């Protein structure tokens, strides 16, 4: 099963910036709804399209993280983190 790594990337961004990054900020910057982002963070999105993945990549890169498309996904059955 493929899972999104939005939780891990958000955590890395918070570490990089030295402060908490609210989902609302990411939602406003990417055009992805806060509800959709919340599902992505929990690892249970209803629907993800390529435009959303591209927007997330652009956002994290603009914030100074060196991320590639493969960093957004992981394969396995590990439980999603609690948000």
N, C-alpha and C. Protein backbone atom coordinates (compact mmCIF):
# COMPACT_ATOMS: atom_id res chain seq x y z
N UNK A 1 0.83 -1.17 0.00
CA UNK A 1 0.00 0.00 0.00
C UNK A 1 0.88 1.25 0.00
N UNK A 2 0.57 2.19 -0.85
CA UNK A 2 1.29 3.46 -0.88
C UNK A 2 0.70 4.41 0.15
N UNK A 3 1.57 5.13 0.82
CA UNK A 3 1.15 6.14 1.79
C UNK A 3 1.87 7.45 1.49
N UNK A 4 1.21 8.54 1.79
CA UNK A 4 1.83 9.85 1.62
C UNK A 4 2.69 10.19 2.83
N UNK A 5 3.80 10.87 2.58
CA UNK A 5 4.73 11.26 3.63
C UNK A 5 4.56 12.72 4.03
N UNK A 6 3.38 13.27 3.90
CA UNK A 6 3.17 14.68 4.20
C UNK A 6 3.48 14.97 5.68
N UNK A 7 3.12 14.06 6.57
CA UNK A 7 3.42 14.24 7.99
C UNK A 7 4.93 14.39 8.20
N UNK A 8 5.71 13.49 7.63
CA UNK A 8 7.16 13.53 7.79
C UNK A 8 7.76 14.78 7.16
N UNK A 9 7.25 15.18 6.00
CA UNK A 9 7.77 16.38 5.34
C UNK A 9 7.41 17.63 6.13
N UNK A 10 6.21 17.68 6.67
CA UNK A 10 5.82 18.83 7.50
C UNK A 10 6.70 18.89 8.75
N UNK A 11 6.97 17.75 9.36
CA UNK A 11 7.83 17.71 10.53
C UNK A 11 9.24 18.17 10.19
N UNK A 12 9.75 17.74 9.04
CA UNK A 12 11.08 18.17 8.60
C UNK A 12 11.11 19.67 8.34
N UNK A 13 10.03 20.19 7.76
CA UNK A 13 9.95 21.62 7.50
C UNK A 13 9.93 22.41 8.82
N UNK A 14 9.17 21.93 9.78
CA UNK A 14 9.12 22.60 11.08
C UNK A 14 10.49 22.62 11.74
N UNK A 15 11.21 21.52 11.62
CA UNK A 15 12.56 21.45 12.16
C UNK A 15 13.49 22.43 11.43
N UNK A 16 13.35 22.47 10.12
CA UNK A 16 14.16 23.35 9.28
C UNK A 16 13.90 24.83 9.61
N UNK A 17 12.63 25.18 9.78
CA UNK A 17 12.27 26.58 10.02
C UNK A 17 12.36 26.97 11.50
N UNK A 18 12.29 25.98 12.38
CA UNK A 18 12.36 26.25 13.79
C UNK A 18 11.05 26.68 14.43
N UNK A 19 9.95 26.43 13.74
CA UNK A 19 8.63 26.73 14.30
C UNK A 19 7.57 25.85 13.66
N UNK A 20 6.43 25.78 14.33
CA UNK A 20 5.32 24.97 13.84
C UNK A 20 4.75 25.57 12.56
N UNK A 21 4.34 24.68 11.65
CA UNK A 21 3.74 25.11 10.38
C UNK A 21 2.30 24.60 10.35
N UNK A 22 1.34 25.49 10.53
CA UNK A 22 -0.07 25.07 10.53
C UNK A 22 -0.51 24.58 9.14
N UNK A 23 -1.42 23.62 9.14
CA UNK A 23 -1.95 23.12 7.86
C UNK A 23 -2.58 24.24 7.06
N UNK A 24 -3.22 25.20 7.74
CA UNK A 24 -3.86 26.32 7.03
C UNK A 24 -2.84 27.06 6.17
N UNK A 25 -1.62 27.24 6.66
CA UNK A 25 -0.57 27.92 5.91
C UNK A 25 -0.22 27.12 4.65
N UNK A 26 -0.08 25.82 4.79
CA UNK A 26 0.23 24.96 3.64
C UNK A 26 -0.94 24.97 2.67
N UNK A 27 -2.16 24.91 3.20
CA UNK A 27 -3.36 24.93 2.35
C UNK A 27 -3.42 26.22 1.53
N UNK A 28 -3.20 27.34 2.19
CA UNK A 28 -3.25 28.63 1.48
C UNK A 28 -2.18 28.72 0.41
N UNK A 29 -1.00 28.19 0.69
CA UNK A 29 0.12 28.28 -0.25
C UNK A 29 -0.01 27.33 -1.44
N UNK A 30 -0.68 26.19 -1.22
CA UNK A 30 -0.76 25.17 -2.28
C UNK A 30 -2.08 25.13 -3.02
N UNK A 31 -3.12 25.70 -2.41
CA UNK A 31 -4.45 25.61 -3.02
C UNK A 31 -5.15 24.28 -2.71
N UNK A 32 -4.56 23.48 -1.84
CA UNK A 32 -5.16 22.21 -1.43
C UNK A 32 -5.99 22.49 -0.18
N UNK A 33 -7.20 21.99 -0.12
CA UNK A 33 -8.05 22.28 1.03
C UNK A 33 -7.44 21.73 2.31
N UNK A 34 -7.77 22.39 3.42
CA UNK A 34 -7.25 21.95 4.71
C UNK A 34 -7.74 20.55 5.06
N UNK A 35 -8.96 20.21 4.69
CA UNK A 35 -9.47 18.86 4.95
C UNK A 35 -8.69 17.81 4.17
N UNK A 36 -8.37 18.11 2.92
CA UNK A 36 -7.59 17.18 2.11
C UNK A 36 -6.19 17.02 2.70
N UNK A 37 -5.58 18.14 3.09
CA UNK A 37 -4.25 18.07 3.70
C UNK A 37 -4.28 17.27 5.00
N UNK A 38 -5.31 17.45 5.78
CA UNK A 38 -5.44 16.70 7.03
C UNK A 38 -5.47 15.20 6.75
N UNK A 39 -6.21 14.80 5.74
CA UNK A 39 -6.23 13.39 5.34
C UNK A 39 -4.87 12.91 4.87
N UNK A 40 -4.15 13.78 4.15
CA UNK A 40 -2.81 13.42 3.68
C UNK A 40 -1.86 13.23 4.86
N UNK A 41 -1.96 14.12 5.84
CA UNK A 41 -1.09 14.03 7.02
C UNK A 41 -1.37 12.75 7.80
N UNK A 42 -2.63 12.37 7.90
CA UNK A 42 -2.99 11.13 8.60
C UNK A 42 -2.73 9.90 7.74
N UNK A 43 -2.45 10.10 6.46
CA UNK A 43 -2.17 8.98 5.57
C UNK A 43 -3.41 8.33 4.99
N UNK A 44 -4.54 9.01 5.08
CA UNK A 44 -5.79 8.44 4.57
C UNK A 44 -6.54 9.43 3.67
N UNK A 45 -5.89 9.95 2.64
CA UNK A 45 -6.60 10.87 1.76
C UNK A 45 -7.64 10.13 0.93
N UNK A 46 -8.72 10.80 0.60
CA UNK A 46 -9.75 10.17 -0.23
C UNK A 46 -9.32 10.13 -1.69
N UNK A 47 -8.66 11.19 -2.11
CA UNK A 47 -8.26 11.30 -3.51
C UNK A 47 -7.04 12.22 -3.58
N UNK A 48 -6.06 11.82 -4.34
CA UNK A 48 -4.87 12.64 -4.55
C UNK A 48 -4.60 12.68 -6.04
N UNK A 49 -4.40 13.88 -6.57
CA UNK A 49 -4.07 13.95 -7.99
C UNK A 49 -2.66 14.53 -8.16
N UNK A 50 -2.15 14.42 -9.37
CA UNK A 50 -0.78 14.85 -9.63
C UNK A 50 -0.57 16.33 -9.37
N UNK A 51 -1.58 17.14 -9.65
CA UNK A 51 -1.46 18.58 -9.41
C UNK A 51 -1.24 18.86 -7.92
N UNK A 52 -1.89 18.10 -7.05
CA UNK A 52 -1.69 18.28 -5.61
C UNK A 52 -0.27 17.88 -5.20
N UNK A 53 0.21 16.77 -5.75
CA UNK A 53 1.58 16.34 -5.44
C UNK A 53 2.59 17.36 -5.94
N UNK A 54 2.37 17.90 -7.12
CA UNK A 54 3.26 18.93 -7.66
C UNK A 54 3.23 20.19 -6.80
N UNK A 55 2.04 20.57 -6.32
CA UNK A 55 1.91 21.75 -5.46
C UNK A 55 2.65 21.54 -4.14
N UNK A 56 2.55 20.35 -3.57
CA UNK A 56 3.27 20.06 -2.33
C UNK A 56 4.78 20.10 -2.56
N UNK A 57 5.25 19.51 -3.64
CA UNK A 57 6.68 19.55 -3.95
C UNK A 57 7.15 20.99 -4.08
N UNK A 58 6.41 21.80 -4.83
CA UNK A 58 6.79 23.19 -5.02
C UNK A 58 6.82 23.94 -3.69
N UNK A 59 5.85 23.69 -2.84
CA UNK A 59 5.78 24.37 -1.55
C UNK A 59 6.99 24.00 -0.68
N UNK A 60 7.24 22.70 -0.50
CA UNK A 60 8.34 22.28 0.36
C UNK A 60 9.69 22.75 -0.19
N UNK A 61 9.84 22.73 -1.50
CA UNK A 61 11.08 23.23 -2.11
C UNK A 61 11.23 24.73 -1.89
N UNK A 62 10.14 25.48 -2.03
CA UNK A 62 10.19 26.92 -1.83
C UNK A 62 10.55 27.28 -0.39
N UNK A 63 10.26 26.38 0.54
CA UNK A 63 10.59 26.59 1.95
C UNK A 63 12.01 26.15 2.29
N UNK A 64 12.74 25.65 1.29
CA UNK A 64 14.15 25.30 1.49
C UNK A 64 14.44 23.83 1.69
N UNK A 65 13.43 22.97 1.61
CA UNK A 65 13.68 21.54 1.72
C UNK A 65 14.09 20.98 0.37
N UNK A 66 15.03 20.08 0.37
CA UNK A 66 15.44 19.42 -0.86
C UNK A 66 14.65 18.11 -0.94
N UNK A 67 13.55 18.16 -1.69
CA UNK A 67 12.68 16.99 -1.80
C UNK A 67 12.50 16.62 -3.27
N UNK A 68 12.31 15.34 -3.48
CA UNK A 68 12.03 14.80 -4.79
C UNK A 68 10.64 14.17 -4.76
N UNK A 69 10.10 13.85 -5.91
CA UNK A 69 8.76 13.27 -5.98
C UNK A 69 8.66 12.01 -5.12
N UNK A 70 9.68 11.20 -5.13
CA UNK A 70 9.67 9.96 -4.35
C UNK A 70 9.61 10.18 -2.85
N UNK A 71 9.98 11.37 -2.40
CA UNK A 71 9.92 11.67 -0.97
C UNK A 71 8.49 11.84 -0.47
N UNK A 72 7.55 12.03 -1.38
CA UNK A 72 6.16 12.21 -1.01
C UNK A 72 5.45 10.89 -0.69
N UNK A 73 6.02 9.78 -1.15
CA UNK A 73 5.37 8.48 -0.99
C UNK A 73 6.25 7.47 -0.30
N UNK A 74 5.61 6.54 0.37
CA UNK A 74 6.31 5.39 0.94
C UNK A 74 5.43 4.17 0.72
N UNK A 75 6.03 3.02 0.67
CA UNK A 75 5.28 1.78 0.46
C UNK A 75 5.35 0.94 1.72
N UNK A 76 4.22 0.43 2.13
CA UNK A 76 4.19 -0.43 3.31
C UNK A 76 2.85 -0.34 4.02
N UNK A 77 2.69 -1.15 5.04
CA UNK A 77 1.44 -1.21 5.78
C UNK A 77 1.56 -0.58 7.16
N UNK A 78 2.60 0.21 7.41
CA UNK A 78 2.77 0.83 8.71
C UNK A 78 1.60 1.78 8.98
N UNK A 79 1.16 1.83 10.21
CA UNK A 79 0.05 2.73 10.55
C UNK A 79 0.46 4.19 10.37
N UNK A 80 -0.50 5.00 9.99
CA UNK A 80 -0.25 6.43 9.82
C UNK A 80 -0.11 7.08 11.18
N UNK A 81 0.67 8.16 11.25
CA UNK A 81 0.85 8.85 12.53
C UNK A 81 -0.43 9.56 12.95
N UNK A 82 -0.63 9.72 14.23
CA UNK A 82 -1.77 10.49 14.73
C UNK A 82 -1.47 11.96 14.53
N UNK A 83 -2.50 12.72 14.19
CA UNK A 83 -2.26 14.16 14.00
C UNK A 83 -2.75 14.96 15.17
